[in-house]
Amino acid sequence: MKEPIVKLCGNRSLSDVTKTSSSNATHLGFIFVKKTKRYVRPEQVGRWVKKLRPSQKLVGVFVNPSIEEIEEVLHFVKLDVIQLHGNEKVSDLLKIKEAFGLPVWKVIHHQKNGPEQMDLFQGVADGYVIDSKVKGAHGGTGVKFDWDAIPSYKELAYQQEVPFIIAGGVKPDNVGELLDYAPDGIDLSSGAERNEQKDIHKIQAIMKEVERSVASIS
């Protein structure tokens, strides 16, 4: 089994990034969506990254962004991946990819027609984040969806030859169960926090489960 993607998302302080960047996670996520509790200003993130120089890939999370919004973030932060969490269409992804030449991950909110949504983005999305569908929220809810649906997403992602990552309610005490479904990656925000700050013990517990899972399969 290849090492899964582990994305620690919703970093909102230098302290958070210090903890997440010292882990074996593969990606660090930052929320550039105003009026959300984990929103961070691009210039702040730029300073943290300059100071800490994390080895992980940096993911910027957006909801229905304009080209200008992404441009502003990239002025301060050298993102490796753009993650789209809204109701973006195929044409929006194409515009963003053309403008910036970066991989774009599309979030699919799990529902009955979730796999059909993936079909729409075939050949355009460079990866998928499957998240829980919670009314009035785009993500970061800490709510888990029915993981028995994972195989249908997995099959489509393999057909499209792109990674799929599971988000929503992932935490230290259930990450082992999730890894049994062998997703390409896991995405945590509140599951790696205590009192709304990243928690080094939770991060270590998660990474230990990931290592155990990889060792048991390889």
C-alpha atoms as a PDB file:
ATOM      1  CA  MET A   1       0.000   0.000   0.000  1.00  0.00           C
ATOM      2  CA  LYS A   2       1.355   3.407  -0.890  1.00  0.00           C
ATOM      3  CA  GLU A   3       1.467   5.994   1.855  1.00  0.00           C
ATOM      4  CA  PRO A   4      -1.947   7.658   2.076  1.00  0.00           C
ATOM      5  CA  ILE A   5      -2.411  11.402   1.747  1.00  0.00           C
ATOM      6  CA  VAL A   6      -2.902  12.902   5.205  1.00  0.00           C
ATOM      7  CA  LYS A   7      -4.202  16.458   5.081  1.00  0.00           C
ATOM      8  CA  LEU A   8      -4.345  18.459   8.297  1.00  0.00           C
ATOM      9  CA  CYS A   9      -6.705  21.266   7.400  1.00  0.00           C
ATOM     10  CA  GLY A  10      -8.014  24.447   8.996  1.00  0.00           C
ATOM     11  CA  ASN A  11      -4.665  25.707  10.319  1.00  0.00           C
ATOM     12  CA  ARG A  12      -5.369  29.145  11.756  1.00  0.00           C
ATOM     13  CA  SER A  13      -2.333  30.211  13.772  1.00  0.00           C
ATOM     14  CA  LEU A  14       1.446  29.981  13.823  1.00  0.00           C
ATOM     15  CA  SER A  15       1.030  27.525  16.706  1.00  0.00           C
ATOM     16  CA  ASP A  16      -1.250  25.297  14.588  1.00  0.00           C
ATOM     17  CA  VAL A  17       1.198  25.263  11.693  1.00  0.00           C
ATOM     18  CA  THR A  18       4.117  24.570  14.046  1.00  0.00           C
ATOM     19  CA  LYS A  19       2.323  21.418  15.256  1.00  0.00           C
ATOM     20  CA  THR A  20       0.994  20.187  11.908  1.00  0.00           C
ATOM     21  CA  SER A  21       4.207  20.853   9.993  1.00  0.00           C
ATOM     22  CA  SER A  22       6.237  18.872  12.549  1.00  0.00           C
ATOM     23  CA  SER A  23       4.117  15.774  11.807  1.00  0.00           C
ATOM     24  CA  ASN A  24       4.379  13.223   8.999  1.00  0.00           C
ATOM     25  CA  ALA A  25       1.241  14.591   7.341  1.00  0.00           C
ATOM     26  CA  THR A  26       1.601  15.064   3.584  1.00  0.00           C
ATOM     27  CA  HIS A  27      -0.560  18.193   3.156  1.00  0.00           C
ATOM     28  CA  LEU A  28      -1.472  21.251   5.226  1.00  0.00           C
ATOM     29  CA  GLY A  29      -4.749  23.008   4.483  1.00  0.00           C
ATOM     30  CA  PHE A  30      -5.748  26.641   4.907  1.00  0.00           C
ATOM     31  CA  ILE A  31      -9.278  27.997   4.640  1.00  0.00           C
ATOM     32  CA  PHE A  32      -9.533  31.147   2.544  1.00  0.00           C
ATOM     33  CA  VAL A  33     -13.297  31.451   2.943  1.00  0.00           C
ATOM     34  CA  LYS A  34     -14.338  34.654   4.698  1.00  0.00           C
ATOM     35  CA  LYS A  35     -16.926  34.509   7.499  1.00  0.00           C
ATOM     36  CA  THR A  36     -15.945  30.956   8.432  1.00  0.00           C
ATOM     37  CA  LYS A  37     -14.370  30.286  11.821  1.00  0.00           C
ATOM     38  CA  ARG A  38     -11.158  28.898  10.347  1.00  0.00           C
ATOM     39  CA  TYR A  39     -10.672  31.703   7.821  1.00  0.00           C
ATOM     40  CA  VAL A  40      -7.082  32.929   7.603  1.00  0.00           C
ATOM     41  CA  ARG A  41      -5.741  35.960   5.781  1.00  0.00           C
ATOM     42  CA  PRO A  42      -3.322  35.102   2.955  1.00  0.00           C
ATOM     43  CA  GLU A  43      -0.643  37.495   4.242  1.00  0.00           C
ATOM     44  CA  GLN A  44      -0.713  35.761   7.672  1.00  0.00           C
ATOM     45  CA  VAL A  45      -0.263  32.344   6.100  1.00  0.00           C
ATOM     46  CA  GLY A  46       2.544  33.740   3.966  1.00  0.00           C
ATOM     47  CA  ARG A  47       4.389  34.839   7.124  1.00  0.00           C
ATOM     48  CA  TRP A  48       3.900  31.489   8.895  1.00  0.00           C
ATOM     49  CA  VAL A  49       5.098  29.501   5.898  1.00  0.00           C
ATOM     50  CA  LYS A  50       8.114  31.754   5.435  1.00  0.00           C
ATOM     51  CA  LYS A  51       9.047  31.306   9.081  1.00  0.00           C
ATOM     52  CA  LEU A  52       8.495  27.538   9.356  1.00  0.00           C
ATOM     53  CA  ARG A  53       9.156  26.351   5.774  1.00  0.00           C
ATOM     54  CA  PRO A  54       6.956  23.240   6.060  1.00  0.00           C
ATOM     55  CA  SER A  55       7.921  20.256   3.906  1.00  0.00           C
ATOM     56  CA  GLN A  56       4.268  19.378   3.310  1.00  0.00           C
ATOM     57  CA  LYS A  57       2.283  20.439   0.245  1.00  0.00           C
ATOM     58  CA  LEU A  58       0.041  23.434   0.857  1.00  0.00           C
ATOM     59  CA  VAL A  59      -3.653  23.301  -0.010  1.00  0.00           C
ATOM     60  CA  GLY A  60      -5.832  26.396  -0.288  1.00  0.00           C
ATOM     61  CA  VAL A  61      -9.539  25.817   0.342  1.00  0.00           C
ATOM     62  CA  PHE A  62     -12.036  28.071  -1.454  1.00  0.00           C
ATOM     63  CA  VAL A  63     -15.805  28.252  -1.958  1.00  0.00           C
ATOM     64  CA  ASN A  64     -16.990  29.504  -5.362  1.00  0.00           C
ATOM     65  CA  PRO A  65     -13.919  31.767  -5.684  1.00  0.00           C
ATOM     66  CA  SER A  66     -13.258  34.383  -8.313  1.00  0.00           C
ATOM     67  CA  ILE A  67      -9.963  34.247 -10.213  1.00  0.00           C
ATOM     68  CA  GLU A  68      -8.986  37.444  -8.337  1.00  0.00           C
ATOM     69  CA  GLU A  69      -9.510  35.813  -4.929  1.00  0.00           C
ATOM     70  CA  ILE A  70      -7.194  32.939  -5.799  1.00  0.00           C
ATOM     71  CA  GLU A  71      -4.703  35.367  -7.345  1.00  0.00           C
ATOM     72  CA  GLU A  72      -4.552  37.346  -4.087  1.00  0.00           C
ATOM     73  CA  VAL A  73      -3.820  34.198  -2.059  1.00  0.00           C
ATOM     74  CA  LEU A  74      -1.125  33.050  -4.486  1.00  0.00           C
ATOM     75  CA  HIS A  75       0.535  36.436  -4.202  1.00  0.00           C
ATOM     76  CA  PHE A  76       1.330  35.575  -0.563  1.00  0.00           C
ATOM     77  CA  VAL A  77       1.292  31.762  -0.451  1.00  0.00           C
ATOM     78  CA  LYS A  78       2.793  29.320  -2.946  1.00  0.00           C
ATOM     79  CA  LEU A  79      -0.032  26.780  -2.995  1.00  0.00           C
ATOM     80  CA  ASP A  80       0.482  23.279  -4.364  1.00  0.00           C
ATOM     81  CA  VAL A  81      -3.217  22.447  -4.653  1.00  0.00           C
ATOM     82  CA  ILE A  82      -6.447  24.438  -4.990  1.00  0.00           C
ATOM     83  CA  GLN A  83      -9.419  22.769  -3.275  1.00  0.00           C
ATOM     84  CA  LEU A  84     -12.919  23.855  -4.282  1.00  0.00           C
ATOM     85  CA  HIS A  85     -15.618  23.349  -1.676  1.00  0.00           C
ATOM     86  CA  GLY A  86     -18.635  25.071  -3.224  1.00  0.00           C
ATOM     87  CA  ASN A  87     -21.003  24.446  -6.153  1.00  0.00           C
ATOM     88  CA  GLU A  88     -18.365  25.081  -8.779  1.00  0.00           C
ATOM     89  CA  LYS A  89     -19.092  23.810 -12.270  1.00  0.00           C
ATOM     90  CA  VAL A  90     -16.791  22.047 -14.719  1.00  0.00           C
ATOM     91  CA  SER A  91     -16.299  25.368 -16.542  1.00  0.00           C
ATOM     92  CA  ASP A  92     -15.103  27.001 -13.283  1.00  0.00           C
ATOM     93  CA  LEU A  93     -12.492  24.280 -12.766  1.00  0.00           C
ATOM     94  CA  LEU A  94     -11.292  24.644 -16.347  1.00  0.00           C
ATOM     95  CA  LYS A  95     -10.896  28.431 -15.934  1.00  0.00           C
ATOM     96  CA  ILE A  96      -8.988  28.033 -12.657  1.00  0.00           C
ATOM     97  CA  LYS A  97      -6.702  25.346 -14.063  1.00  0.00           C
ATOM     98  CA  GLU A  98      -5.982  27.456 -17.124  1.00  0.00           C
ATOM     99  CA  ALA A  99      -5.314  30.571 -15.040  1.00  0.00           C
ATOM    100  CA  PHE A 100      -2.953  28.979 -12.506  1.00  0.00           C
ATOM    101  CA  GLY A 101      -1.726  25.637 -13.837  1.00  0.00           C
ATOM    102  CA  LEU A 102      -2.201  24.013 -10.431  1.00  0.00           C
ATOM    103  CA  PRO A 103      -3.927  20.739  -9.537  1.00  0.00           C
ATOM    104  CA  VAL A 104      -7.547  21.287  -8.492  1.00  0.00           C
ATOM    105  CA  TRP A 105      -9.347  19.009  -6.030  1.00  0.00           C
ATOM    106  CA  LYS A 106     -13.140  19.091  -6.077  1.00  0.00           C
ATOM    107  CA  VAL A 107     -15.160  18.423  -2.966  1.00  0.00           C
ATOM    108  CA  ILE A 108     -18.127  16.098  -3.429  1.00  0.00           C
ATOM    109  CA  HIS A 109     -20.677  16.260  -0.607  1.00  0.00           C
ATOM    110  CA  HIS A 110     -21.840  12.717   0.017  1.00  0.00           C
ATOM    111  CA  GLN A 111     -25.423  12.062  -1.059  1.00  0.00           C
ATOM    112  CA  LYS A 112     -27.241   9.554  -3.232  1.00  0.00           C
ATOM    113  CA  ASN A 113     -25.980  11.137  -6.467  1.00  0.00           C
ATOM    114  CA  GLY A 114     -22.454  11.773  -5.126  1.00  0.00           C
ATOM    115  CA  PRO A 115     -20.793   9.316  -7.518  1.00  0.00           C
ATOM    116  CA  GLU A 116     -22.694  10.903 -10.438  1.00  0.00           C
ATOM    117  CA  GLN A 117     -21.185  14.252  -9.429  1.00  0.00           C
ATOM    118  CA  MET A 118     -17.744  12.679  -9.801  1.00  0.00           C
ATOM    119  CA  ASP A 119     -18.680  11.562 -13.299  1.00  0.00           C
ATOM    120  CA  LEU A 120     -19.317  15.188 -14.265  1.00  0.00           C
ATOM    121  CA  PHE A 121     -15.775  16.219 -13.374  1.00  0.00           C
ATOM    122  CA  GLN A 122     -14.023  13.319 -15.102  1.00  0.00           C
ATOM    123  CA  GLY A 123     -10.863  14.474 -16.862  1.00  0.00           C
ATOM    124  CA  VAL A 124     -11.047  17.885 -15.169  1.00  0.00           C
ATOM    125  CA  ALA A 125     -10.687  17.377 -11.400  1.00  0.00           C
ATOM    126  CA  ASP A 126      -7.224  16.223 -10.289  1.00  0.00           C
ATOM    127  CA  GLY A 127      -8.614  14.642  -7.130  1.00  0.00           C
ATOM    128  CA  TYR A 128     -11.715  14.501  -4.953  1.00  0.00           C
ATOM    129  CA  VAL A 129     -12.446  15.166  -1.308  1.00  0.00           C
ATOM    130  CA  ILE A 130     -15.598  13.315  -0.232  1.00  0.00           C
ATOM    131  CA  ASP A 131     -17.184  15.179   2.678  1.00  0.00           C
ATOM    132  CA  SER A 132     -20.406  14.983   4.662  1.00  0.00           C
ATOM    133  CA  LYS A 133     -23.401  16.941   3.427  1.00  0.00           C
ATOM    134  CA  VAL A 134     -24.593  19.202   6.217  1.00  0.00           C
ATOM    135  CA  LYS A 135     -27.284  21.775   5.546  1.00  0.00           C
ATOM    136  CA  GLY A 136     -25.962  25.331   5.587  1.00  0.00           C
ATOM    137  CA  ALA A 137     -22.294  24.274   5.802  1.00  0.00           C
ATOM    138  CA  HIS A 138     -19.650  23.702   3.149  1.00  0.00           C
ATOM    139  CA  GLY A 139     -17.376  21.653   5.421  1.00  0.00           C
ATOM    140  CA  GLY A 140     -15.480  21.548   8.705  1.00  0.00           C
ATOM    141  CA  THR A 141     -18.536  20.219  10.537  1.00  0.00           C
ATOM    142  CA  GLY A 142     -16.919  17.192  12.190  1.00  0.00           C
ATOM    143  CA  VAL A 143     -19.885  15.110  10.964  1.00  0.00           C
ATOM    144  CA  LYS A 144     -19.175  11.640   9.544  1.00  0.00           C
ATOM    145  CA  PHE A 145     -21.061  10.201   6.574  1.00  0.00           C
ATOM    146  CA  ASP A 146     -21.864   6.525   5.958  1.00  0.00           C
ATOM    147  CA  TRP A 147     -18.445   5.079   5.114  1.00  0.00           C
ATOM    148  CA  ASP A 148     -20.049   2.019   3.497  1.00  0.00           C
ATOM    149  CA  ALA A 149     -20.444   4.319   0.473  1.00  0.00           C
ATOM    150  CA  ILE A 150     -16.653   4.625   0.106  1.00  0.00           C
ATOM    151  CA  PRO A 151     -16.201   1.705  -2.351  1.00  0.00           C
ATOM    152  CA  SER A 152     -18.421   3.364  -4.982  1.00  0.00           C
ATOM    153  CA  TYR A 153     -16.324   6.563  -4.809  1.00  0.00           C
ATOM    154  CA  LYS A 154     -13.140   4.522  -4.805  1.00  0.00           C
ATOM    155  CA  GLU A 155     -14.103   2.677  -7.975  1.00  0.00           C
ATOM    156  CA  LEU A 156     -14.809   5.931  -9.841  1.00  0.00           C
ATOM    157  CA  ALA A 157     -11.620   7.598  -8.627  1.00  0.00           C
ATOM    158  CA  TYR A 158      -9.612   4.592  -9.842  1.00  0.00           C
ATOM    159  CA  GLN A 159     -11.331   4.723 -13.210  1.00  0.00           C
ATOM    160  CA  GLN A 160     -10.436   8.420 -13.462  1.00  0.00           C
ATOM    161  CA  GLU A 161      -6.901   7.700 -12.157  1.00  0.00           C
ATOM    162  CA  VAL A 162      -7.070  10.460  -9.541  1.00  0.00           C
ATOM    163  CA  PRO A 163      -6.895  10.283  -5.738  1.00  0.00           C
ATOM    164  CA  PHE A 164      -9.928  10.443  -3.468  1.00  0.00           C
ATOM    165  CA  ILE A 165      -9.733  11.656   0.107  1.00  0.00           C
ATOM    166  CA  ILE A 166     -12.267  11.188   2.892  1.00  0.00           C
ATOM    167  CA  ALA A 167     -13.225  14.122   5.136  1.00  0.00           C
ATOM    168  CA  GLY A 168     -15.903  14.701   7.742  1.00  0.00           C
ATOM    169  CA  GLY A 169     -15.808  13.447  11.310  1.00  0.00           C
ATOM    170  CA  VAL A 170     -12.412  11.733  11.017  1.00  0.00           C
ATOM    171  CA  LYS A 171     -10.702  11.557  14.430  1.00  0.00           C
ATOM    172  CA  PRO A 172      -8.131   9.476  16.310  1.00  0.00           C
ATOM    173  CA  ASP A 173     -10.639   6.909  17.581  1.00  0.00           C
ATOM    174  CA  ASN A 174     -12.175   6.106  14.182  1.00  0.00           C
ATOM    175  CA  VAL A 175      -9.320   6.696  11.736  1.00  0.00           C
ATOM    176  CA  GLY A 176      -8.274   3.031  11.946  1.00  0.00           C
ATOM    177  CA  GLU A 177     -11.776   1.976  10.861  1.00  0.00           C
ATOM    178  CA  LEU A 178     -11.668   4.479   7.985  1.00  0.00           C
ATOM    179  CA  LEU A 179      -8.265   3.246   6.803  1.00  0.00           C
ATOM    180  CA  ASP A 180      -9.714  -0.285   6.508  1.00  0.00           C
ATOM    181  CA  TYR A 181     -11.631   1.064   3.486  1.00  0.00           C
ATOM    182  CA  ALA A 182      -8.239   1.983   1.947  1.00  0.00           C
ATOM    183  CA  PRO A 183      -9.010   5.509   0.735  1.00  0.00           C
ATOM    184  CA  ASP A 184      -6.178   7.373  -0.999  1.00  0.00           C
ATOM    185  CA  GLY A 185      -6.212   9.912   1.779  1.00  0.00           C
ATOM    186  CA  ILE A 186      -7.816  11.341   4.886  1.00  0.00           C
ATOM    187  CA  ASP A 187      -8.604  14.963   5.692  1.00  0.00           C
ATOM    188  CA  LEU A 188      -8.964  16.214   9.260  1.00  0.00           C
ATOM    189  CA  SER A 189      -9.746  19.561  10.778  1.00  0.00           C
ATOM    190  CA  SER A 190     -11.699  19.442  14.059  1.00  0.00           C
ATOM    191  CA  GLY A 191     -10.586  15.813  14.552  1.00  0.00           C
ATOM    192  CA  ALA A 192      -7.032  17.060  15.117  1.00  0.00           C
ATOM    193  CA  GLU A 193      -8.073  19.835  17.528  1.00  0.00           C
ATOM    194  CA  ARG A 194      -8.771  20.449  21.180  1.00  0.00           C
ATOM    195  CA  ASN A 195     -10.420  23.736  22.176  1.00  0.00           C
ATOM    196  CA  GLU A 196     -10.288  24.877  18.543  1.00  0.00           C
ATOM    197  CA  GLN A 197      -6.510  24.581  18.380  1.00  0.00           C
ATOM    198  CA  LYS A 198      -4.482  21.834  16.751  1.00  0.00           C
ATOM    199  CA  ASP A 199      -3.540  19.228  19.344  1.00  0.00           C
ATOM    200  CA  ILE A 200      -0.154  17.555  19.037  1.00  0.00           C
ATOM    201  CA  HIS A 201      -1.321  14.407  20.882  1.00  0.00           C
ATOM    202  CA  LYS A 202      -4.290  13.912  18.551  1.00  0.00           C
ATOM    203  CA  ILE A 203      -2.057  14.495  15.527  1.00  0.00           C
ATOM    204  CA  GLN A 204       0.450  11.917  16.797  1.00  0.00           C
ATOM    205  CA  ALA A 205      -2.352   9.405  17.496  1.00  0.00           C
ATOM    206  CA  ILE A 206      -3.698   9.849  13.957  1.00  0.00           C
ATOM    207  CA  MET A 207      -0.272   9.433  12.359  1.00  0.00           C
ATOM    208  CA  LYS A 208       0.357   6.315  14.460  1.00  0.00           C
ATOM    209  CA  GLU A 209      -2.861   4.771  13.106  1.00  0.00           C
ATOM    210  CA  VAL A 210      -1.821   5.642   9.545  1.00  0.00           C
ATOM    211  CA  GLU A 211       1.599   4.015  10.047  1.00  0.00           C
ATOM    212  CA  ARG A 212      -0.005   0.921  11.580  1.00  0.00           C
ATOM    213  CA  SER A 213      -2.422   0.631   8.668  1.00  0.00           C
ATOM    214  CA  VAL A 214       0.353   0.947   6.065  1.00  0.00           C
ATOM    215  CA  ALA A 215       2.511  -1.616   7.901  1.00  0.00           C
ATOM    216  CA  SER A 216      -0.350  -4.127   8.148  1.00  0.00           C
ATOM    217  CA  ILE A 217      -1.003  -4.045   4.392  1.00  0.00           C
ATOM    218  CA  SER A 218       2.529  -3.734   3.001  1.00  0.00           C
END
